Amino acid sequence: MLNQRPQTSEFGSVDPAPPSETTELEVLRSILLDEDKKMFQRMRSVFKLRNIRSPESCLALCEAFGSSSALLRHELAYVLGQMQQDEAIPTLSRILSDPNEHVMVRHEAAEALGAIGNPIAVSILREHLTDVNPEVSESCEVALDLLDWVSKSSVPE
């Protein structure tokens, strides 16, 4: 068992926990929001909710930004970027705009907005290009540059 390698997710990432076995949204949400649960169990809920990839699962993930764990909040932003759902934009915008939020969570919120890449997300990223934290401003810059590159490379010559 020790020689077994973690599996790559359908999103191309190796997750720090396997997705939960349950598919019941309310059970997953309850575990995720329970600060007394072990982080491993909460992470399993995160990855199952991501894999469900519905507006409801996206909003359940957004609810968990009230967690006391910066690690969990960072992972939430990461998976919301993988999901690329517009429902996450208001929450990601709030996180990116919060100067009291951990800088790495803000960085990941910027990356997630870049992954979503719609005009609203682009506008939010532009607003934060001059953030006082270089981790945030540079993440916004990279996200915008990537979106620009993708739009130019998808145009047939």
Protein backbone atom coordinates (compact mmCIF):
# COMPACT_ATOMS: atom_id res chain seq x y z
CA MET A 1 0.00 0.00 0.00
CA LEU A 2 2.88 2.41 0.70
CA ASN A 3 4.10 2.07 -2.89
CA GLN A 4 0.72 3.13 -4.28
CA ARG A 5 0.77 6.55 -5.94
CA PRO A 6 -2.12 9.00 -5.70
CA GLN A 7 -4.34 9.07 -8.74
CA THR A 8 -4.53 12.07 -11.07
CA SER A 9 -7.96 13.71 -10.99
CA GLU A 10 -10.08 14.37 -14.05
CA PHE A 11 -8.74 17.93 -13.76
CA GLY A 12 -5.15 16.78 -14.21
CA SER A 13 -4.17 17.42 -10.59
CA VAL A 14 -3.02 15.10 -7.84
CA ASP A 15 -5.30 16.04 -4.96
CA PRO A 16 -4.14 15.93 -1.33
CA ALA A 17 -7.13 13.73 -0.47
CA PRO A 18 -9.30 11.35 -2.50
CA PRO A 19 -12.84 12.56 -3.17
CA SER A 20 -15.48 11.44 -0.71
CA GLU A 21 -17.51 8.37 -1.62
CA THR A 22 -20.85 10.04 -0.91
CA THR A 23 -22.67 12.04 -3.56
CA GLU A 24 -25.19 13.66 -1.21
CA LEU A 25 -24.64 17.41 -1.50
CA GLU A 26 -25.99 18.22 1.95
CA VAL A 27 -23.78 15.62 3.63
CA LEU A 28 -20.71 16.90 1.77
CA ARG A 29 -21.59 20.50 2.62
CA SER A 30 -22.10 19.62 6.28
CA ILE A 31 -18.70 17.92 6.54
CA LEU A 32 -16.98 20.76 4.71
CA LEU A 33 -18.44 23.43 6.99
CA ASP A 34 -17.80 21.52 10.24
CA GLU A 35 -14.71 23.07 11.86
CA ASP A 36 -14.50 20.08 14.22
CA LYS A 37 -14.03 17.55 11.42
CA LYS A 38 -10.52 16.42 10.49
CA MET A 39 -9.02 18.41 7.63
CA PHE A 40 -8.62 15.22 5.59
CA GLN A 41 -12.40 14.60 5.71
CA ARG A 42 -13.14 18.20 4.83
CA MET A 43 -10.72 18.02 1.88
CA ARG A 44 -12.42 14.83 0.66
CA SER A 45 -15.67 16.80 0.58
CA VAL A 46 -13.97 19.63 -1.32
CA PHE A 47 -12.82 17.30 -4.08
CA LYS A 48 -16.13 15.47 -4.34
CA LEU A 49 -18.02 18.78 -4.57
CA ARG A 50 -15.58 19.89 -7.28
CA ASN A 51 -16.09 16.64 -9.18
CA ILE A 52 -19.88 17.01 -9.02
CA ARG A 53 -19.36 20.33 -10.85
CA SER A 54 -22.87 21.74 -10.46
CA PRO A 55 -23.95 25.26 -9.52
CA GLU A 56 -25.07 23.86 -6.16
CA SER A 57 -21.75 22.17 -5.44
CA CYS A 58 -19.93 25.35 -6.47
CA LEU A 59 -22.01 27.43 -4.05
CA ALA A 60 -21.41 24.90 -1.24
CA LEU A 61 -17.67 25.36 -1.79
CA CYS A 62 -18.11 29.14 -1.73
CA GLU A 63 -19.84 28.89 1.66
CA ALA A 64 -16.73 27.33 3.18
CA PHE A 65 -14.64 30.50 2.85
CA GLY A 66 -15.76 31.23 6.40
CA SER A 67 -13.38 28.51 7.57
CA SER A 68 -10.64 29.41 10.02
CA SER A 69 -8.14 27.41 7.94
CA ALA A 70 -6.17 29.39 5.34
CA LEU A 71 -5.08 26.06 3.87
CA LEU A 72 -8.69 25.06 3.25
CA ARG A 73 -9.59 28.50 1.86
CA HIS A 74 -6.61 28.30 -0.52
CA GLU A 75 -7.74 24.85 -1.70
CA LEU A 76 -11.30 26.14 -2.16
CA ALA A 77 -10.08 28.90 -4.47
CA TYR A 78 -7.95 26.38 -6.36
CA VAL A 79 -10.84 23.98 -7.04
CA LEU A 80 -13.18 26.85 -7.97
CA GLY A 81 -10.64 27.75 -10.64
CA GLN A 82 -10.67 24.16 -11.85
CA MET A 83 -14.48 24.20 -12.01
CA GLN A 84 -14.55 27.46 -14.02
CA GLN A 85 -18.11 28.32 -13.01
CA ASP A 86 -19.50 31.84 -13.06
CA GLU A 87 -21.33 31.19 -9.77
CA ALA A 88 -17.98 31.48 -7.98
CA ILE A 89 -17.17 34.98 -9.25
CA PRO A 90 -18.84 37.01 -6.46
CA THR A 91 -17.08 34.96 -3.76
CA LEU A 92 -13.71 34.96 -5.51
CA SER A 93 -14.00 38.71 -6.04
CA ARG A 94 -14.76 39.25 -2.35
CA ILE A 95 -11.77 37.11 -1.35
CA LEU A 96 -9.42 38.85 -3.78
CA SER A 97 -10.59 42.26 -2.53
CA ASP A 98 -10.19 41.48 1.18
CA PRO A 99 -6.89 42.94 2.46
CA ASN A 100 -7.29 40.92 5.67
CA GLU A 101 -7.41 37.60 3.81
CA HIS A 102 -4.23 35.52 3.74
CA VAL A 103 -2.16 36.62 0.73
CA MET A 104 -1.88 33.10 -0.69
CA VAL A 105 -5.67 32.70 -0.59
CA ARG A 106 -5.98 36.03 -2.43
CA HIS A 107 -3.37 34.86 -4.94
CA GLU A 108 -5.33 31.67 -5.59
CA ALA A 109 -8.59 33.64 -5.95
CA ALA A 110 -6.91 35.71 -8.68
CA GLU A 111 -5.73 32.53 -10.43
CA ALA A 112 -9.26 31.10 -10.21
CA LEU A 113 -10.78 34.24 -11.70
CA GLY A 114 -8.26 33.98 -14.51
CA ALA A 115 -9.31 30.38 -15.12
CA ILE A 116 -12.95 31.50 -15.35
CA GLY A 117 -11.84 34.25 -17.72
CA ASN A 118 -15.15 35.84 -18.59
CA PRO A 119 -15.43 39.66 -18.96
CA ILE A 120 -16.55 40.13 -15.34
CA ALA A 121 -13.58 38.11 -14.04
CA VAL A 122 -11.21 40.06 -16.32
CA SER A 123 -12.55 43.36 -15.00
CA ILE A 124 -12.01 42.24 -11.40
CA LEU A 125 -8.45 41.13 -12.17
CA ARG A 126 -7.67 44.51 -13.76
CA GLU A 127 -8.87 46.27 -10.60
CA HIS A 128 -6.21 44.44 -8.58
CA LEU A 129 -3.20 44.91 -10.86
CA THR A 130 -1.88 47.55 -8.46
CA ASP A 131 -2.53 45.67 -5.22
CA VAL A 132 0.08 46.42 -2.56
CA ASN A 133 0.87 42.70 -2.21
CA PRO A 134 3.07 41.60 -5.11
CA GLU A 135 1.73 38.04 -4.79
CA VAL A 136 -1.72 39.42 -5.61
CA SER A 137 -0.82 42.00 -8.25
CA GLU A 138 1.53 39.59 -10.04
CA SER A 139 -1.10 36.82 -9.96
CA CYS A 140 -3.59 39.20 -11.59
CA GLU A 141 -0.99 40.19 -14.18
CA VAL A 142 -0.15 36.57 -15.01
CA ALA A 143 -3.83 35.61 -15.22
CA LEU A 144 -4.58 38.50 -17.59
CA ASP A 145 -1.50 37.77 -19.71
CA LEU A 146 -2.52 34.11 -19.98
CA LEU A 147 -6.04 35.07 -21.04
CA ASP A 148 -4.59 37.44 -23.64
CA TRP A 149 -2.24 34.73 -24.91
CA VAL A 150 -5.06 32.16 -25.10
CA SER A 151 -7.31 34.55 -27.02
CA LYS A 152 -4.52 35.31 -29.53
CA SER A 153 -3.50 31.69 -29.98
CA SER A 154 -7.08 30.53 -30.55
CA VAL A 155 -7.51 32.90 -33.52
CA PRO A 156 -6.86 31.02 -36.76
CA GLU A 157 -4.17 32.53 -38.95
